[in-house]
């Protein structure tokens, strides 16, 4: 299976009460993100519960099926308040990473493009033409290099991923006391939405991305050391 057509792909968005394939989604997550299994109860909850249309974050949990077989997941959200997309979980089985779609687009790039098309739809529901960008935290330099082939631009700030969110702490009884050592060093940056370019050197764009992650998603207060640090790192 070196090539897929659009007809070979099926996407199940496991949110808003659609939990039929959540175990298949979580199996891929366990296989490819074993260090983050603490988030599994939250993902299952997200699939089973009805969406609050007034919430800041509109989530998508895509299970990707290729010719009848689960081959990847894409977890991402649209931030209604800041008009921005955040890529949270992107996991494709190694064999599927070598696939091409319709003989012309790498499978990984195709899934990024579909995710950004969905974000445009979300933005228009929010009465905006398109999101500012599609931002992502990235752990490994090799993945940064691969993402750059698809238009990812890193921001010149020293960034750390917080180890949990308040939503996770509400559904898990295994969250330990968090220390500064639990904050993982990450790269942070964004993809351009096709047809809607942005200036990656714009400090307002950087600030929007950082606040969408740290203040809205991880819900850190403005006085938190990490928020204070990244704001100081933003070029003037």
C-alpha atoms as a PDB file:
ATOM      1  CA  UNK A   1       0.000   0.000   0.000  1.00  0.00           C
ATOM      2  CA  UNK A   2       2.262   2.784  -1.271  1.00  0.00           C
ATOM      3  CA  UNK A   3      -0.477   4.991  -2.676  1.00  0.00           C
ATOM      4  CA  UNK A   4      -3.947   5.963  -1.485  1.00  0.00           C
ATOM      5  CA  UNK A   5      -6.811   7.763  -3.132  1.00  0.00           C
ATOM      6  CA  UNK A   6      -9.257  10.028  -1.350  1.00  0.00           C
ATOM      7  CA  UNK A   7     -11.763   7.170  -1.565  1.00  0.00           C
ATOM      8  CA  UNK A   8      -9.397   4.934   0.436  1.00  0.00           C
ATOM      9  CA  UNK A   9      -9.466   7.303   3.439  1.00  0.00           C
ATOM     10  CA  UNK A  10     -12.126   7.557   6.134  1.00  0.00           C
ATOM     11  CA  UNK A  11     -11.923   9.965   9.079  1.00  0.00           C
ATOM     12  CA  UNK A  12     -13.921   9.527  12.276  1.00  0.00           C
ATOM     13  CA  UNK A  13     -14.025  12.648  14.461  1.00  0.00           C
ATOM     14  CA  UNK A  14     -14.360  11.258  17.982  1.00  0.00           C
ATOM     15  CA  UNK A  15     -15.939  14.142  19.863  1.00  0.00           C
ATOM     16  CA  UNK A  16     -19.413  15.362  20.840  1.00  0.00           C
ATOM     17  CA  UNK A  17     -20.819  11.944  21.741  1.00  0.00           C
ATOM     18  CA  UNK A  18     -19.170  10.072  18.871  1.00  0.00           C
ATOM     19  CA  UNK A  19     -17.206   7.426  20.792  1.00  0.00           C
ATOM     20  CA  UNK A  20     -17.768   4.380  18.572  1.00  0.00           C
ATOM     21  CA  UNK A  21     -14.093   4.135  17.523  1.00  0.00           C
ATOM     22  CA  UNK A  22     -12.463   5.721  20.558  1.00  0.00           C
ATOM     23  CA  UNK A  23     -10.628   2.527  21.554  1.00  0.00           C
ATOM     24  CA  UNK A  24      -8.990   2.318  18.120  1.00  0.00           C
ATOM     25  CA  UNK A  25      -7.928   5.941  18.526  1.00  0.00           C
ATOM     26  CA  UNK A  26      -6.512   5.294  21.979  1.00  0.00           C
ATOM     27  CA  UNK A  27      -4.668   2.163  20.835  1.00  0.00           C
ATOM     28  CA  UNK A  28      -2.695   4.252  18.330  1.00  0.00           C
ATOM     29  CA  UNK A  29      -2.110   6.892  20.983  1.00  0.00           C
ATOM     30  CA  UNK A  30      -0.743   4.267  23.405  1.00  0.00           C
ATOM     31  CA  UNK A  31       1.504   2.793  20.727  1.00  0.00           C
ATOM     32  CA  UNK A  32       3.005   6.074  19.521  1.00  0.00           C
ATOM     33  CA  UNK A  33       2.705   8.389  22.558  1.00  0.00           C
ATOM     34  CA  UNK A  34       3.327   6.078  25.548  1.00  0.00           C
ATOM     35  CA  UNK A  35       4.835   8.971  27.531  1.00  0.00           C
ATOM     36  CA  UNK A  36       1.479  10.802  27.419  1.00  0.00           C
ATOM     37  CA  UNK A  37      -0.943   8.033  28.398  1.00  0.00           C
ATOM     38  CA  UNK A  38      -2.036  10.170  31.343  1.00  0.00           C
ATOM     39  CA  UNK A  39      -4.240  12.086  28.855  1.00  0.00           C
ATOM     40  CA  UNK A  40      -6.260   9.015  27.826  1.00  0.00           C
ATOM     41  CA  UNK A  41      -9.122   9.542  30.343  1.00  0.00           C
ATOM     42  CA  UNK A  42      -9.564  13.084  29.024  1.00  0.00           C
ATOM     43  CA  UNK A  43      -9.693  11.895  25.399  1.00  0.00           C
ATOM     44  CA  UNK A  44     -12.310   9.304  26.257  1.00  0.00           C
ATOM     45  CA  UNK A  45     -14.352  11.940  28.074  1.00  0.00           C
ATOM     46  CA  UNK A  46     -14.044  14.304  25.110  1.00  0.00           C
ATOM     47  CA  UNK A  47     -15.486  11.635  22.818  1.00  0.00           C
ATOM     48  CA  UNK A  48     -18.385  10.730  25.087  1.00  0.00           C
ATOM     49  CA  UNK A  49     -19.635  14.116  26.228  1.00  0.00           C
ATOM     50  CA  UNK A  50     -21.575  16.704  24.265  1.00  0.00           C
ATOM     51  CA  UNK A  51     -19.609  19.755  23.143  1.00  0.00           C
ATOM     52  CA  UNK A  52     -20.148  23.087  24.876  1.00  0.00           C
ATOM     53  CA  UNK A  53     -20.506  25.551  21.964  1.00  0.00           C
ATOM     54  CA  UNK A  54     -19.465  28.422  24.220  1.00  0.00           C
ATOM     55  CA  UNK A  55     -16.124  26.826  25.174  1.00  0.00           C
ATOM     56  CA  UNK A  56     -12.910  28.550  24.085  1.00  0.00           C
ATOM     57  CA  UNK A  57     -11.547  25.357  22.522  1.00  0.00           C
ATOM     58  CA  UNK A  58     -13.365  23.394  19.824  1.00  0.00           C
ATOM     59  CA  UNK A  59     -11.703  19.972  19.697  1.00  0.00           C
ATOM     60  CA  UNK A  60     -11.262  17.381  16.935  1.00  0.00           C
ATOM     61  CA  UNK A  61     -10.014  13.838  17.534  1.00  0.00           C
ATOM     62  CA  UNK A  62      -9.550  12.242  14.125  1.00  0.00           C
ATOM     63  CA  UNK A  63      -9.087   8.521  13.709  1.00  0.00           C
ATOM     64  CA  UNK A  64      -7.731   7.994  10.194  1.00  0.00           C
ATOM     65  CA  UNK A  65      -8.637   4.765   8.389  1.00  0.00           C
ATOM     66  CA  UNK A  66      -6.776   3.718   5.233  1.00  0.00           C
ATOM     67  CA  UNK A  67      -8.333   0.892   3.234  1.00  0.00           C
ATOM     68  CA  UNK A  68     -10.152  -0.328   6.302  1.00  0.00           C
ATOM     69  CA  UNK A  69      -7.186  -0.208   8.695  1.00  0.00           C
ATOM     70  CA  UNK A  70      -6.510   2.404  11.419  1.00  0.00           C
ATOM     71  CA  UNK A  71      -3.275   4.131  10.398  1.00  0.00           C
ATOM     72  CA  UNK A  72      -3.124   7.365  12.381  1.00  0.00           C
ATOM     73  CA  UNK A  73      -4.677   9.980  14.608  1.00  0.00           C
ATOM     74  CA  UNK A  74      -4.805  13.774  14.544  1.00  0.00           C
ATOM     75  CA  UNK A  75      -5.872  15.632  17.677  1.00  0.00           C
ATOM     76  CA  UNK A  76      -6.267  19.381  17.197  1.00  0.00           C
ATOM     77  CA  UNK A  77      -8.434  22.298  18.237  1.00  0.00           C
ATOM     78  CA  UNK A  78      -9.701  25.686  17.167  1.00  0.00           C
ATOM     79  CA  UNK A  79      -9.376  28.436  19.765  1.00  0.00           C
ATOM     80  CA  UNK A  80     -12.477  30.598  19.306  1.00  0.00           C
ATOM     81  CA  UNK A  81     -11.184  33.457  21.449  1.00  0.00           C
ATOM     82  CA  UNK A  82      -7.869  33.919  19.632  1.00  0.00           C
ATOM     83  CA  UNK A  83      -8.845  32.560  16.186  1.00  0.00           C
ATOM     84  CA  UNK A  84      -6.017  30.069  16.031  1.00  0.00           C
ATOM     85  CA  UNK A  85      -5.552  26.336  15.492  1.00  0.00           C
ATOM     86  CA  UNK A  86      -3.429  24.181  17.821  1.00  0.00           C
ATOM     87  CA  UNK A  87      -2.050  20.809  16.754  1.00  0.00           C
ATOM     88  CA  UNK A  88      -1.921  18.680  19.893  1.00  0.00           C
ATOM     89  CA  UNK A  89      -1.488  15.043  18.777  1.00  0.00           C
ATOM     90  CA  UNK A  90      -0.305  13.878  15.358  1.00  0.00           C
ATOM     91  CA  UNK A  91       0.602  10.193  15.212  1.00  0.00           C
ATOM     92  CA  UNK A  92       0.909   8.114  12.046  1.00  0.00           C
ATOM     93  CA  UNK A  93       2.122   4.516  11.997  1.00  0.00           C
ATOM     94  CA  UNK A  94       5.600   4.286  10.394  1.00  0.00           C
ATOM     95  CA  UNK A  95       4.478   2.338   7.314  1.00  0.00           C
ATOM     96  CA  UNK A  96       1.734   4.886   6.624  1.00  0.00           C
ATOM     97  CA  UNK A  97       4.203   7.786   6.794  1.00  0.00           C
ATOM     98  CA  UNK A  98       5.640   6.564   3.482  1.00  0.00           C
ATOM     99  CA  UNK A  99       2.281   6.725   1.700  1.00  0.00           C
ATOM    100  CA  UNK A 100       1.254   9.211  -0.954  1.00  0.00           C
ATOM    101  CA  UNK A 101      -2.295  10.384  -1.617  1.00  0.00           C
ATOM    102  CA  UNK A 102      -3.489  10.402  -5.234  1.00  0.00           C
ATOM    103  CA  UNK A 103       0.124   9.904  -6.263  1.00  0.00           C
ATOM    104  CA  UNK A 104       1.016  13.536  -5.604  1.00  0.00           C
ATOM    105  CA  UNK A 105       0.934  14.453  -1.897  1.00  0.00           C
ATOM    106  CA  UNK A 106       2.771  12.807   1.015  1.00  0.00           C
ATOM    107  CA  UNK A 107       0.225  11.311   3.392  1.00  0.00           C
ATOM    108  CA  UNK A 108       1.453  13.343   6.367  1.00  0.00           C
ATOM    109  CA  UNK A 109       1.162  16.595   4.426  1.00  0.00           C
ATOM    110  CA  UNK A 110      -2.292  15.540   3.197  1.00  0.00           C
ATOM    111  CA  UNK A 111      -3.496  15.078   6.776  1.00  0.00           C
ATOM    112  CA  UNK A 112      -2.083  18.467   7.784  1.00  0.00           C
ATOM    113  CA  UNK A 113      -3.898  20.050   4.839  1.00  0.00           C
ATOM    114  CA  UNK A 114      -7.196  18.379   5.783  1.00  0.00           C
ATOM    115  CA  UNK A 115      -6.785  19.540   9.381  1.00  0.00           C
ATOM    116  CA  UNK A 116      -6.244  23.111   8.215  1.00  0.00           C
ATOM    117  CA  UNK A 117      -9.297  22.901   5.944  1.00  0.00           C
ATOM    118  CA  UNK A 118     -11.303  21.894   9.012  1.00  0.00           C
ATOM    119  CA  UNK A 119      -9.881  24.836  10.958  1.00  0.00           C
ATOM    120  CA  UNK A 120     -10.988  27.198   8.195  1.00  0.00           C
ATOM    121  CA  UNK A 121     -14.514  25.787   8.554  1.00  0.00           C
ATOM    122  CA  UNK A 122     -14.318  26.281  12.322  1.00  0.00           C
ATOM    123  CA  UNK A 123     -13.158  29.864  11.878  1.00  0.00           C
ATOM    124  CA  UNK A 124     -16.020  30.630   9.489  1.00  0.00           C
ATOM    125  CA  UNK A 125     -18.494  29.240  12.007  1.00  0.00           C
ATOM    126  CA  UNK A 126     -16.877  31.767  14.345  1.00  0.00           C
ATOM    127  CA  UNK A 127     -17.509  34.505  11.730  1.00  0.00           C
ATOM    128  CA  UNK A 128     -13.849  34.815  10.761  1.00  0.00           C
ATOM    129  CA  UNK A 129     -12.447  34.137   7.305  1.00  0.00           C
ATOM    130  CA  UNK A 130      -9.599  31.859   8.452  1.00  0.00           C
ATOM    131  CA  UNK A 131      -7.423  31.132  11.505  1.00  0.00           C
ATOM    132  CA  UNK A 132      -4.252  33.147  11.981  1.00  0.00           C
ATOM    133  CA  UNK A 133      -2.157  29.970  11.746  1.00  0.00           C
ATOM    134  CA  UNK A 134      -1.913  26.340  12.899  1.00  0.00           C
ATOM    135  CA  UNK A 135       0.487  26.218  15.845  1.00  0.00           C
ATOM    136  CA  UNK A 136       2.294  23.235  17.346  1.00  0.00           C
ATOM    137  CA  UNK A 137       4.673  22.283  20.127  1.00  0.00           C
ATOM    138  CA  UNK A 138       7.381  19.959  18.755  1.00  0.00           C
ATOM    139  CA  UNK A 139       9.720  17.865  20.860  1.00  0.00           C
ATOM    140  CA  UNK A 140      12.340  16.499  18.475  1.00  0.00           C
ATOM    141  CA  UNK A 141      14.682  18.367  16.083  1.00  0.00           C
ATOM    142  CA  UNK A 142      14.152  15.699  13.397  1.00  0.00           C
ATOM    143  CA  UNK A 143      10.410  16.317  13.503  1.00  0.00           C
ATOM    144  CA  UNK A 144      10.968  20.065  13.298  1.00  0.00           C
ATOM    145  CA  UNK A 145      13.017  19.500  10.151  1.00  0.00           C
ATOM    146  CA  UNK A 146      10.264  17.337   8.640  1.00  0.00           C
ATOM    147  CA  UNK A 147       7.550  19.855   9.540  1.00  0.00           C
ATOM    148  CA  UNK A 148       9.587  22.647   7.958  1.00  0.00           C
ATOM    149  CA  UNK A 149       9.227  20.789   4.647  1.00  0.00           C
ATOM    150  CA  UNK A 150       5.495  21.413   5.051  1.00  0.00           C
ATOM    151  CA  UNK A 151       5.797  25.092   5.971  1.00  0.00           C
ATOM    152  CA  UNK A 152       6.356  25.000   9.738  1.00  0.00           C
ATOM    153  CA  UNK A 153       8.228  28.004  11.162  1.00  0.00           C
ATOM    154  CA  UNK A 154       9.747  27.981  14.650  1.00  0.00           C
ATOM    155  CA  UNK A 155       9.564  30.998  16.939  1.00  0.00           C
ATOM    156  CA  UNK A 156      12.740  32.331  18.618  1.00  0.00           C
ATOM    157  CA  UNK A 157      11.647  31.676  22.198  1.00  0.00           C
ATOM    158  CA  UNK A 158      12.798  29.113  24.742  1.00  0.00           C
ATOM    159  CA  UNK A 159       9.630  27.147  25.424  1.00  0.00           C
ATOM    160  CA  UNK A 160       8.637  24.392  27.844  1.00  0.00           C
ATOM    161  CA  UNK A 161       5.552  22.176  27.677  1.00  0.00           C
ATOM    162  CA  UNK A 162       3.582  22.084  30.948  1.00  0.00           C
ATOM    163  CA  UNK A 163       2.996  18.520  32.198  1.00  0.00           C
ATOM    164  CA  UNK A 164      -0.788  18.680  32.562  1.00  0.00           C
ATOM    165  CA  UNK A 165      -3.936  20.753  32.206  1.00  0.00           C
ATOM    166  CA  UNK A 166      -6.662  21.549  34.749  1.00  0.00           C
ATOM    167  CA  UNK A 167      -9.091  19.460  32.667  1.00  0.00           C
ATOM    168  CA  UNK A 168      -6.795  16.456  33.022  1.00  0.00           C
ATOM    169  CA  UNK A 169      -6.514  16.950  36.752  1.00  0.00           C
ATOM    170  CA  UNK A 170     -10.305  16.859  37.043  1.00  0.00           C
ATOM    171  CA  UNK A 171     -10.618  13.398  35.454  1.00  0.00           C
ATOM    172  CA  UNK A 172      -7.463  11.713  36.769  1.00  0.00           C
ATOM    173  CA  UNK A 173      -6.635  10.553  40.272  1.00  0.00           C
ATOM    174  CA  UNK A 174      -2.979   9.860  39.383  1.00  0.00           C
ATOM    175  CA  UNK A 175      -1.644  13.372  38.828  1.00  0.00           C
ATOM    176  CA  UNK A 176       1.326  13.949  41.099  1.00  0.00           C
ATOM    177  CA  UNK A 177       2.475  17.254  42.507  1.00  0.00           C
ATOM    178  CA  UNK A 178       4.077  19.164  39.644  1.00  0.00           C
ATOM    179  CA  UNK A 179       7.555  20.657  39.818  1.00  0.00           C
ATOM    180  CA  UNK A 180       9.512  22.841  37.410  1.00  0.00           C
ATOM    181  CA  UNK A 181      11.511  19.751  36.416  1.00  0.00           C
ATOM    182  CA  UNK A 182       8.348  18.286  34.864  1.00  0.00           C
ATOM    183  CA  UNK A 183       8.217  21.017  32.212  1.00  0.00           C
ATOM    184  CA  UNK A 184       9.592  19.534  28.981  1.00  0.00           C
ATOM    185  CA  UNK A 185      11.762  21.546  26.575  1.00  0.00           C
ATOM    186  CA  UNK A 186       9.983  22.007  23.254  1.00  0.00           C
ATOM    187  CA  UNK A 187      10.166  23.967  20.041  1.00  0.00           C
ATOM    188  CA  UNK A 188       7.137  26.090  19.274  1.00  0.00           C
ATOM    189  CA  UNK A 189       5.983  27.538  15.981  1.00  0.00           C
ATOM    190  CA  UNK A 190       3.247  27.374  13.369  1.00  0.00           C
ATOM    191  CA  UNK A 191       2.128  26.294   9.921  1.00  0.00           C
ATOM    192  CA  UNK A 192       0.684  28.806   7.494  1.00  0.00           C
ATOM    193  CA  UNK A 193      -2.963  28.227   6.554  1.00  0.00           C
ATOM    194  CA  UNK A 194      -2.962  27.743   2.739  1.00  0.00           C
ATOM    195  CA  UNK A 195      -4.057  30.959   1.058  1.00  0.00           C
ATOM    196  CA  UNK A 196      -3.758  32.930   4.301  1.00  0.00           C
ATOM    197  CA  UNK A 197      -0.097  33.857   4.889  1.00  0.00           C
ATOM    198  CA  UNK A 198       1.153  35.289   8.144  1.00  0.00           C
ATOM    199  CA  UNK A 199       4.368  36.984   9.173  1.00  0.00           C
ATOM    200  CA  UNK A 200       6.215  34.528  11.460  1.00  0.00           C
ATOM    201  CA  UNK A 201       8.318  37.404  12.786  1.00  0.00           C
ATOM    202  CA  UNK A 202       5.270  39.370  13.937  1.00  0.00           C
ATOM    203  CA  UNK A 203       5.449  39.595  17.756  1.00  0.00           C
ATOM    204  CA  UNK A 204       1.652  39.777  17.964  1.00  0.00           C
ATOM    205  CA  UNK A 205       1.370  36.410  16.178  1.00  0.00           C
ATOM    206  CA  UNK A 206       3.929  34.874  18.542  1.00  0.00           C
ATOM    207  CA  UNK A 207       2.121  36.300  21.540  1.00  0.00           C
ATOM    208  CA  UNK A 208      -1.221  34.925  20.321  1.00  0.00           C
ATOM    209  CA  UNK A 209       0.253  31.428  19.854  1.00  0.00           C
ATOM    210  CA  UNK A 210       1.934  31.418  23.246  1.00  0.00           C
ATOM    211  CA  UNK A 211      -1.133  32.679  25.088  1.00  0.00           C
ATOM    212  CA  UNK A 212      -3.377  30.176  23.284  1.00  0.00           C
ATOM    213  CA  UNK A 213      -1.191  27.381  24.622  1.00  0.00           C
ATOM    214  CA  UNK A 214      -0.162  28.639  28.043  1.00  0.00           C
ATOM    215  CA  UNK A 215      -3.097  30.760  29.225  1.00  0.00           C
ATOM    216  CA  UNK A 216      -6.023  29.077  27.435  1.00  0.00           C
ATOM    217  CA  UNK A 217      -4.995  25.430  27.056  1.00  0.00           C
ATOM    218  CA  UNK A 218      -2.744  24.880  30.084  1.00  0.00           C
ATOM    219  CA  UNK A 219      -4.498  27.676  31.995  1.00  0.00           C
ATOM    220  CA  UNK A 220      -1.376  29.094  33.576  1.00  0.00           C
ATOM    221  CA  UNK A 221      -1.820  32.472  35.278  1.00  0.00           C
ATOM    222  CA  UNK A 222      -0.125  35.514  33.773  1.00  0.00           C
ATOM    223  CA  UNK A 223       2.200  35.570  36.805  1.00  0.00           C
ATOM    224  CA  UNK A 224       3.498  32.032  36.142  1.00  0.00           C
ATOM    225  CA  UNK A 225       7.264  31.852  35.536  1.00  0.00           C
ATOM    226  CA  UNK A 226       6.834  30.248  32.098  1.00  0.00           C
ATOM    227  CA  UNK A 227       4.379  32.872  30.858  1.00  0.00           C
ATOM    228  CA  UNK A 228       6.650  35.616  32.110  1.00  0.00           C
ATOM    229  CA  UNK A 229       9.671  33.998  30.487  1.00  0.00           C
ATOM    230  CA  UNK A 230       8.242  33.503  26.988  1.00  0.00           C
ATOM    231  CA  UNK A 231       6.776  36.997  26.914  1.00  0.00           C
ATOM    232  CA  UNK A 232      10.246  38.381  27.646  1.00  0.00           C
ATOM    233  CA  UNK A 233      11.718  36.174  24.879  1.00  0.00           C
ATOM    234  CA  UNK A 234       9.448  37.586  22.155  1.00  0.00           C
ATOM    235  CA  UNK A 235      11.498  39.917  19.940  1.00  0.00           C
ATOM    236  CA  UNK A 236      10.390  43.534  20.028  1.00  0.00           C
END
